[in-house]
Amino acid sequence: MGRAKVKLAWIEKAAPRNVTYKKRKNGLLKKVKDLSTLCDVKACGIIYPCGGTVPEVWSSTPNPMDVLVPFMQESELERRKKMVNQCLEGKDISVLDLETIFSLSWLVDNKLNFVKEKVVKKKAKMVANGE
C-alpha cells in the first residue's frame, strides 16, 4: 500500500512546521550525500533556515568552497547553457516545463543580442575601412 499524497501548503502551527522542516532537511541532505557517494561527484547542500542567520551546509569535500567556487566562476550564460543542454537531451521542446522554457528563451535572446552586436561592430569596421 502506497503513501497518501501530501498536500503542499504552508503549515500554520509552529511545532509541526519545525518537525517537518527538520525531517525534510535531513532527508534532503541525505540525498545530497547519497548522490555524492553513489556517483562520485562533488556535491554541496546549503539550507537557510527561516529566521536563522547561519546556513546549514553539508559538503562532500572538507571545504564547501571547493564545490561552490567553480560554479560561481561560470557566467550566468554558461550555467544556463549547461542547464538547458541537460534538459534538452533528446527531448521534444513541447514537453519542457515553464522554467526550462524561460531559461531557453533567455539563452536564445542573449545569443541573438551577441550576434547583433557582432554584426554592428563588423559593419562599423567595414565602413571605417571603406569597404
Protein backbone atom coordinates (compact mmCIF):
# COMPACT_ATOMS: atom_id res chain seq x y z
CA MET A 1 0.00 0.00 0.00
CA GLY A 2 1.45 3.39 -1.02
CA ARG A 3 1.59 6.63 0.84
CA ALA A 4 -1.12 9.25 0.52
CA LYS A 5 -0.14 12.30 -1.48
CA VAL A 6 0.89 15.17 0.78
CA LYS A 7 -0.80 18.49 0.12
CA LEU A 8 1.96 21.07 -0.15
CA ALA A 9 0.76 24.12 1.73
CA TRP A 10 2.02 26.41 4.47
CA ILE A 11 1.91 24.71 7.88
CA GLU A 12 0.41 27.31 10.19
CA LYS A 13 1.31 25.79 13.57
CA ALA A 14 4.95 26.29 14.54
CA ALA A 15 5.57 22.93 16.22
CA PRO A 16 4.50 20.69 13.29
CA ARG A 17 6.21 23.10 10.86
CA ASN A 18 9.52 22.74 12.74
CA VAL A 19 9.20 18.94 12.86
CA THR A 20 8.51 18.85 9.11
CA TYR A 21 11.42 21.22 8.45
CA LYS A 22 13.87 19.05 10.40
CA LYS A 23 12.71 15.80 8.78
CA ARG A 24 12.75 17.18 5.24
CA LYS A 25 16.08 18.96 5.78
CA ASN A 26 17.68 15.72 6.96
CA GLY A 27 16.14 13.83 4.02
CA LEU A 28 17.40 16.41 1.54
CA LEU A 29 20.93 16.41 2.94
CA LYS A 30 20.91 12.59 2.94
CA LYS A 31 20.02 12.65 -0.76
CA VAL A 32 22.93 15.03 -1.47
CA LYS A 33 25.27 12.72 0.46
CA ASP A 34 23.95 9.64 -1.35
CA LEU A 35 24.36 11.32 -4.74
CA SER A 36 27.93 12.21 -3.90
CA THR A 37 28.74 8.69 -2.70
CA LEU A 38 26.97 6.72 -5.44
CA CYS A 39 28.03 8.84 -8.39
CA ASP A 40 31.43 10.05 -7.14
CA VAL A 41 30.57 13.71 -7.69
CA LYS A 42 31.33 16.81 -5.68
CA ALA A 43 28.12 17.98 -4.06
CA CYS A 44 27.08 20.63 -1.60
CA GLY A 45 23.78 21.31 0.15
CA ILE A 46 23.04 24.71 1.68
CA ILE A 47 19.87 25.42 3.63
CA TYR A 48 18.98 28.80 5.09
CA PRO A 49 16.59 28.18 7.97
CA CYS A 50 13.64 30.51 8.37
CA GLY A 51 14.56 33.10 10.97
CA GLY A 52 18.09 31.69 11.24
CA THR A 53 21.13 33.68 10.36
CA VAL A 54 23.60 30.85 9.86
CA PRO A 55 23.03 28.49 6.91
CA GLU A 56 23.33 24.75 7.40
CA VAL A 57 25.88 23.28 4.99
CA TRP A 58 26.79 19.75 4.01
CA SER A 59 29.61 19.20 1.55
CA SER A 60 31.22 16.12 0.04
CA THR A 61 34.56 17.88 0.35
CA PRO A 62 36.16 19.18 3.56
CA ASN A 63 35.79 22.73 2.25
CA PRO A 64 32.41 23.60 0.64
CA MET A 65 34.12 26.36 -1.34
CA ASP A 66 35.83 23.63 -3.43
CA VAL A 67 32.38 22.89 -4.83
CA LEU A 68 30.97 26.42 -4.93
CA VAL A 69 33.85 28.41 -6.44
CA PRO A 70 33.93 26.63 -9.83
CA PHE A 71 30.15 27.00 -10.07
CA MET A 72 30.19 30.69 -9.12
CA GLN A 73 33.05 31.50 -11.51
CA GLU A 74 30.98 30.46 -14.52
CA SER A 75 28.97 33.20 -16.13
CA GLU A 76 25.20 33.08 -15.88
CA LEU A 77 25.14 32.32 -19.59
CA GLU A 78 27.35 29.24 -19.15
CA ARG A 79 25.29 27.98 -16.17
CA ARG A 80 22.05 28.35 -18.14
CA LYS A 81 23.60 26.69 -21.20
CA LYS A 82 24.51 23.65 -19.15
CA MET A 83 21.07 23.52 -17.58
CA VAL A 84 19.31 23.76 -20.95
CA ASN A 85 21.63 21.16 -22.51
CA GLN A 86 20.82 18.73 -19.69
CA CYS A 87 17.09 19.36 -20.05
CA LEU A 88 17.02 19.06 -23.84
CA GLU A 89 18.92 15.78 -24.21
CA GLY A 90 16.80 14.01 -26.81
CA LYS A 91 13.56 15.69 -25.75
CA ASP A 92 10.89 17.49 -27.71
CA ILE A 93 10.71 21.12 -26.60
CA SER A 94 6.93 20.89 -26.14
CA VAL A 95 7.35 18.66 -23.06
CA LEU A 96 9.56 21.13 -21.14
CA ASP A 97 8.38 22.89 -18.01
CA LEU A 98 7.90 26.66 -17.88
CA GLU A 99 11.16 27.40 -16.03
CA THR A 100 13.22 25.47 -18.59
CA ILE A 101 11.45 27.19 -21.47
CA PHE A 102 12.13 30.56 -19.81
CA SER A 103 15.82 29.68 -19.46
CA LEU A 104 15.95 28.54 -23.06
CA SER A 105 14.27 31.77 -24.16
CA TRP A 106 16.76 33.80 -22.12
CA LEU A 107 19.66 31.90 -23.67
CA VAL A 108 18.36 32.43 -27.22
CA ASP A 109 17.76 36.15 -26.57
CA ASN A 110 21.25 36.50 -25.11
CA LYS A 111 22.85 34.76 -28.10
CA LEU A 112 20.78 36.84 -30.53
CA ASN A 113 21.92 40.06 -28.87
CA PHE A 114 25.52 38.85 -29.02
CA VAL A 115 25.20 38.16 -32.77
CA LYS A 116 23.56 41.56 -33.37
CA GLU A 117 26.42 43.31 -31.55
CA LYS A 118 28.97 41.43 -33.67
CA VAL A 119 27.14 42.42 -36.87
CA VAL A 120 27.06 46.09 -35.82
CA LYS A 121 30.78 46.03 -34.97
CA LYS A 122 31.63 44.29 -38.25
CA LYS A 123 29.61 46.85 -40.25
CA ALA A 124 31.27 49.72 -38.39
CA LYS A 125 34.71 48.22 -39.11
CA MET A 126 33.83 47.79 -42.81
CA VAL A 127 32.65 51.43 -43.04
CA ALA A 128 35.79 52.64 -41.31
CA ASN A 129 37.94 50.68 -43.76
CA GLY A 130 35.94 51.97 -46.76
CA GLU A 131 34.72 48.55 -47.84
